[in-house]
Amino acid sequence: MRFTVTWEDEAQAELLERWLLLSPDERDHLSRCVNHIDVTLRMNAHQKGTVLKGNESFRFYAAPVIPGRPPIGVVYQVILEDRLVKVLELWILSED
């Protein structure tokens, strides 16, 4: 099943804020992870990620971990009847 992936304003603002603080190399990593997440969630998003709070429509999905780079993931909502994915939160785990 194909989905349209959208980012809620808060998640998009967080992505931009984080991106602006990064070095060019770190920006490249973030961009690649976000692109991977977007492409992956376009197909069968309702079957990917981890269910949150026992509610099938809220899930967490992370891009593949690259050694030496922070894991990057998103919390998203699946709206099956509209074939829509709404990215609600961006997660970047850091050692700080």
N, C-alpha and C. Protein backbone atom coordinates (compact mmCIF):
# COMPACT_ATOMS: atom_id res chain seq x y z
N MET A 1 0.85 -1.18 0.00
CA MET A 1 0.00 0.00 0.00
C MET A 1 0.89 1.24 0.00
N ARG A 2 0.62 2.17 -0.90
CA ARG A 2 1.42 3.39 -1.03
C ARG A 2 0.82 4.51 -0.17
N PHE A 3 1.70 5.27 0.51
CA PHE A 3 1.30 6.37 1.38
C PHE A 3 1.95 7.67 0.92
N THR A 4 1.29 8.77 1.26
CA THR A 4 1.89 10.10 1.14
C THR A 4 2.49 10.45 2.49
N VAL A 5 3.75 10.86 2.51
CA VAL A 5 4.43 11.20 3.76
C VAL A 5 4.48 12.72 3.89
N THR A 6 3.95 13.22 5.01
CA THR A 6 4.00 14.66 5.30
C THR A 6 4.67 14.86 6.66
N TRP A 7 5.20 16.04 6.85
CA TRP A 7 5.82 16.41 8.13
C TRP A 7 4.97 17.50 8.77
N GLU A 8 4.57 17.27 10.01
CA GLU A 8 3.86 18.31 10.76
C GLU A 8 4.80 19.50 10.96
N ASP A 9 4.22 20.69 11.12
CA ASP A 9 5.03 21.92 11.24
C ASP A 9 6.09 21.83 12.33
N GLU A 10 5.73 21.27 13.48
CA GLU A 10 6.68 21.18 14.60
C GLU A 10 7.86 20.27 14.26
N ALA A 11 7.59 19.16 13.60
CA ALA A 11 8.65 18.24 13.22
C ALA A 11 9.54 18.86 12.15
N GLN A 12 8.94 19.56 11.21
CA GLN A 12 9.71 20.23 10.16
C GLN A 12 10.57 21.34 10.75
N ALA A 13 10.04 22.08 11.72
CA ALA A 13 10.81 23.15 12.38
C ALA A 13 11.99 22.56 13.15
N GLU A 14 11.77 21.43 13.82
CA GLU A 14 12.85 20.75 14.55
C GLU A 14 13.93 20.30 13.58
N LEU A 15 13.55 19.75 12.46
CA LEU A 15 14.51 19.32 11.44
C LEU A 15 15.35 20.50 10.96
N LEU A 16 14.71 21.60 10.64
CA LEU A 16 15.44 22.78 10.17
C LEU A 16 16.37 23.33 11.25
N GLU A 17 15.88 23.42 12.48
CA GLU A 17 16.69 23.93 13.59
C GLU A 17 17.94 23.08 13.79
N ARG A 18 17.77 21.78 13.79
CA ARG A 18 18.90 20.87 13.96
C ARG A 18 19.88 20.99 12.78
N TRP A 19 19.33 21.02 11.56
CA TRP A 19 20.15 21.06 10.37
C TRP A 19 21.04 22.30 10.35
N LEU A 20 20.49 23.44 10.76
CA LEU A 20 21.25 24.69 10.75
C LEU A 20 22.44 24.68 11.72
N LEU A 21 22.37 23.85 12.76
CA LEU A 21 23.43 23.79 13.76
C LEU A 21 24.55 22.81 13.40
N LEU A 22 24.38 22.06 12.33
CA LEU A 22 25.32 21.00 11.99
C LEU A 22 26.39 21.44 11.00
N SER A 23 27.49 20.70 11.02
CA SER A 23 28.54 20.90 10.02
C SER A 23 28.05 20.33 8.68
N PRO A 24 28.70 20.67 7.59
CA PRO A 24 28.28 20.12 6.28
C PRO A 24 28.24 18.59 6.26
N ASP A 25 29.19 17.93 6.88
CA ASP A 25 29.22 16.47 6.92
C ASP A 25 28.03 15.93 7.73
N GLU A 26 27.74 16.56 8.84
CA GLU A 26 26.61 16.13 9.67
C GLU A 26 25.28 16.41 8.97
N ARG A 27 25.22 17.51 8.24
CA ARG A 27 24.02 17.82 7.46
C ARG A 27 23.76 16.75 6.42
N ASP A 28 24.83 16.29 5.79
CA ASP A 28 24.70 15.25 4.78
C ASP A 28 24.13 13.98 5.41
N HIS A 29 24.63 13.62 6.58
CA HIS A 29 24.13 12.43 7.28
C HIS A 29 22.65 12.59 7.62
N LEU A 30 22.28 13.73 8.16
CA LEU A 30 20.88 13.98 8.52
C LEU A 30 20.00 13.92 7.27
N SER A 31 20.42 14.55 6.21
CA SER A 31 19.64 14.54 4.96
C SER A 31 19.45 13.13 4.43
N ARG A 32 20.51 12.34 4.45
CA ARG A 32 20.41 10.95 3.96
C ARG A 32 19.44 10.13 4.82
N CYS A 33 19.51 10.31 6.13
CA CYS A 33 18.61 9.57 7.03
C CYS A 33 17.16 9.98 6.82
N VAL A 34 16.91 11.27 6.72
CA VAL A 34 15.54 11.75 6.52
C VAL A 34 15.00 11.28 5.17
N ASN A 35 15.82 11.33 4.15
CA ASN A 35 15.39 10.82 2.84
C ASN A 35 15.08 9.33 2.90
N HIS A 36 15.93 8.58 3.60
CA HIS A 36 15.68 7.14 3.76
C HIS A 36 14.34 6.91 4.46
N ILE A 37 14.09 7.65 5.52
CA ILE A 37 12.84 7.51 6.27
C ILE A 37 11.65 7.83 5.38
N ASP A 38 11.71 8.94 4.66
CA ASP A 38 10.61 9.34 3.77
C ASP A 38 10.32 8.26 2.72
N VAL A 39 11.35 7.77 2.07
CA VAL A 39 11.18 6.76 1.03
C VAL A 39 10.64 5.46 1.62
N THR A 40 11.16 5.05 2.75
CA THR A 40 10.74 3.80 3.38
C THR A 40 9.28 3.85 3.80
N LEU A 41 8.84 4.98 4.35
CA LEU A 41 7.47 5.07 4.85
C LEU A 41 6.44 5.26 3.74
N ARG A 42 6.88 5.48 2.52
CA ARG A 42 5.92 5.61 1.40
C ARG A 42 5.22 4.28 1.09
N MET A 43 5.87 3.19 1.40
CA MET A 43 5.29 1.87 1.11
C MET A 43 5.04 1.12 2.42
N ASN A 44 3.78 0.75 2.64
CA ASN A 44 3.40 -0.09 3.78
C ASN A 44 3.85 0.46 5.13
N ALA A 45 3.69 1.75 5.32
CA ALA A 45 4.10 2.39 6.58
C ALA A 45 3.40 1.79 7.78
N HIS A 46 2.22 1.27 7.57
CA HIS A 46 1.45 0.66 8.66
C HIS A 46 2.05 -0.66 9.13
N GLN A 47 3.01 -1.18 8.40
CA GLN A 47 3.67 -2.43 8.76
C GLN A 47 5.12 -2.22 9.17
N LYS A 48 5.56 -0.99 9.26
CA LYS A 48 6.95 -0.69 9.58
C LYS A 48 7.05 -0.01 10.93
N GLY A 49 8.25 0.02 11.46
CA GLY A 49 8.47 0.69 12.72
C GLY A 49 7.93 -0.11 13.91
N THR A 50 7.90 0.57 15.04
CA THR A 50 7.46 -0.02 16.31
C THR A 50 6.22 0.71 16.77
N VAL A 51 5.20 -0.04 17.14
CA VAL A 51 3.95 0.54 17.64
C VAL A 51 4.21 1.23 18.98
N LEU A 52 3.66 2.43 19.14
CA LEU A 52 3.80 3.18 20.38
C LEU A 52 2.49 3.18 21.16
N LYS A 53 2.60 3.02 22.45
CA LYS A 53 1.47 3.14 23.38
C LYS A 53 0.30 2.23 23.02
N GLY A 54 0.58 1.08 22.43
CA GLY A 54 -0.47 0.14 22.12
C GLY A 54 -1.46 0.62 21.07
N ASN A 55 -1.13 1.67 20.35
CA ASN A 55 -2.01 2.23 19.33
C ASN A 55 -1.37 2.00 17.96
N GLU A 56 -1.97 1.17 17.14
CA GLU A 56 -1.39 0.82 15.84
C GLU A 56 -1.10 2.02 14.95
N SER A 57 -1.78 3.12 15.14
CA SER A 57 -1.59 4.26 14.23
C SER A 57 -0.38 5.12 14.60
N PHE A 58 0.17 4.97 15.80
CA PHE A 58 1.35 5.74 16.21
C PHE A 58 2.55 4.81 16.29
N ARG A 59 3.61 5.18 15.56
CA ARG A 59 4.77 4.30 15.43
C ARG A 59 6.07 5.09 15.49
N PHE A 60 7.16 4.36 15.72
CA PHE A 60 8.51 4.91 15.68
C PHE A 60 9.29 4.14 14.63
N TYR A 61 10.02 4.87 13.79
CA TYR A 61 10.88 4.24 12.80
C TYR A 61 12.22 4.97 12.78
N ALA A 62 13.32 4.21 12.72
CA ALA A 62 14.66 4.80 12.68
C ALA A 62 15.38 4.37 11.41
N ALA A 63 16.17 5.28 10.89
CA ALA A 63 17.03 4.96 9.75
C ALA A 63 18.09 3.98 10.23
N PRO A 64 18.66 3.19 9.31
CA PRO A 64 19.73 2.27 9.72
C PRO A 64 20.87 3.03 10.40
N VAL A 65 21.38 2.45 11.46
CA VAL A 65 22.45 3.09 12.23
C VAL A 65 23.76 2.97 11.47
N ILE A 66 24.47 4.08 11.42
CA ILE A 66 25.80 4.13 10.80
C ILE A 66 26.80 4.32 11.92
N PRO A 67 27.79 3.43 12.06
CA PRO A 67 28.77 3.56 13.14
C PRO A 67 29.41 4.95 13.16
N GLY A 68 29.48 5.51 14.35
CA GLY A 68 30.07 6.84 14.52
C GLY A 68 29.11 7.98 14.26
N ARG A 69 27.88 7.68 13.93
CA ARG A 69 26.86 8.69 13.65
C ARG A 69 25.69 8.51 14.61
N PRO A 70 25.03 9.60 14.98
CA PRO A 70 23.89 9.45 15.89
C PRO A 70 22.70 8.79 15.19
N PRO A 71 21.99 7.91 15.91
CA PRO A 71 20.77 7.33 15.35
C PRO A 71 19.71 8.41 15.13
N ILE A 72 18.98 8.29 14.03
CA ILE A 72 17.96 9.27 13.68
C ILE A 72 16.67 8.52 13.37
N GLY A 73 15.59 8.98 13.98
CA GLY A 73 14.30 8.35 13.77
C GLY A 73 13.17 9.34 13.86
N VAL A 74 11.96 8.85 13.65
CA VAL A 74 10.78 9.70 13.70
C VAL A 74 9.64 8.97 14.42
N VAL A 75 8.78 9.75 15.03
CA VAL A 75 7.50 9.27 15.51
C VAL A 75 6.50 9.71 14.46
N TYR A 76 5.66 8.77 14.02
CA TYR A 76 4.71 9.10 12.95
C TYR A 76 3.35 8.48 13.21
N GLN A 77 2.37 9.04 12.55
CA GLN A 77 1.00 8.55 12.63
C GLN A 77 0.59 8.05 11.25
N VAL A 78 -0.04 6.89 11.24
CA VAL A 78 -0.55 6.32 10.00
C VAL A 78 -2.06 6.51 9.97
N ILE A 79 -2.55 7.10 8.89
CA ILE A 79 -3.99 7.25 8.68
C ILE A 79 -4.33 6.39 7.46
N LEU A 80 -4.72 5.14 7.75
CA LEU A 80 -4.93 4.15 6.69
C LEU A 80 -5.95 4.59 5.66
N GLU A 81 -7.11 5.07 6.12
CA GLU A 81 -8.18 5.41 5.17
C GLU A 81 -7.78 6.51 4.19
N ASP A 82 -6.84 7.36 4.58
CA ASP A 82 -6.36 8.42 3.69
C ASP A 82 -5.02 8.07 3.03
N ARG A 83 -4.46 6.92 3.42
CA ARG A 83 -3.13 6.51 2.95
C ARG A 83 -2.12 7.64 3.18
N LEU A 84 -2.12 8.11 4.42
CA LEU A 84 -1.32 9.26 4.81
C LEU A 84 -0.44 8.91 6.00
N VAL A 85 0.81 9.38 5.96
CA VAL A 85 1.74 9.29 7.08
C VAL A 85 2.05 10.72 7.51
N LYS A 86 1.85 11.00 8.79
CA LYS A 86 2.21 12.30 9.35
C LYS A 86 3.39 12.11 10.29
N VAL A 87 4.54 12.71 9.94
CA VAL A 87 5.69 12.68 10.83
C VAL A 87 5.44 13.72 11.91
N LEU A 88 5.44 13.26 13.16
CA LEU A 88 5.10 14.13 14.29
C LEU A 88 6.32 14.64 15.04
N GLU A 89 7.37 13.82 15.12
CA GLU A 89 8.57 14.19 15.88
C GLU A 89 9.81 13.63 15.21
N LEU A 90 10.88 14.39 15.29
CA LEU A 90 12.20 13.95 14.84
C LEU A 90 13.00 13.59 16.07
N TRP A 91 13.66 12.44 16.05
CA TRP A 91 14.53 12.02 17.15
C TRP A 91 15.93 11.88 16.64
N ILE A 92 16.86 12.61 17.28
CA ILE A 92 18.28 12.44 17.00
C ILE A 92 18.94 12.17 18.33
N LEU A 93 19.44 10.96 18.50
CA LEU A 93 20.08 10.60 19.75
C LEU A 93 21.54 11.02 19.68
N SER A 94 21.99 11.71 20.70
CA SER A 94 23.38 12.15 20.72
C SER A 94 24.02 11.75 22.03
N GLU A 95 25.31 11.86 22.06
CA GLU A 95 26.07 11.51 23.26
C GLU A 95 26.16 12.68 24.22
N ASP A 96 25.62 13.83 23.86
CA ASP A 96 25.71 15.02 24.72
C ASP A 96 24.85 14.87 25.96
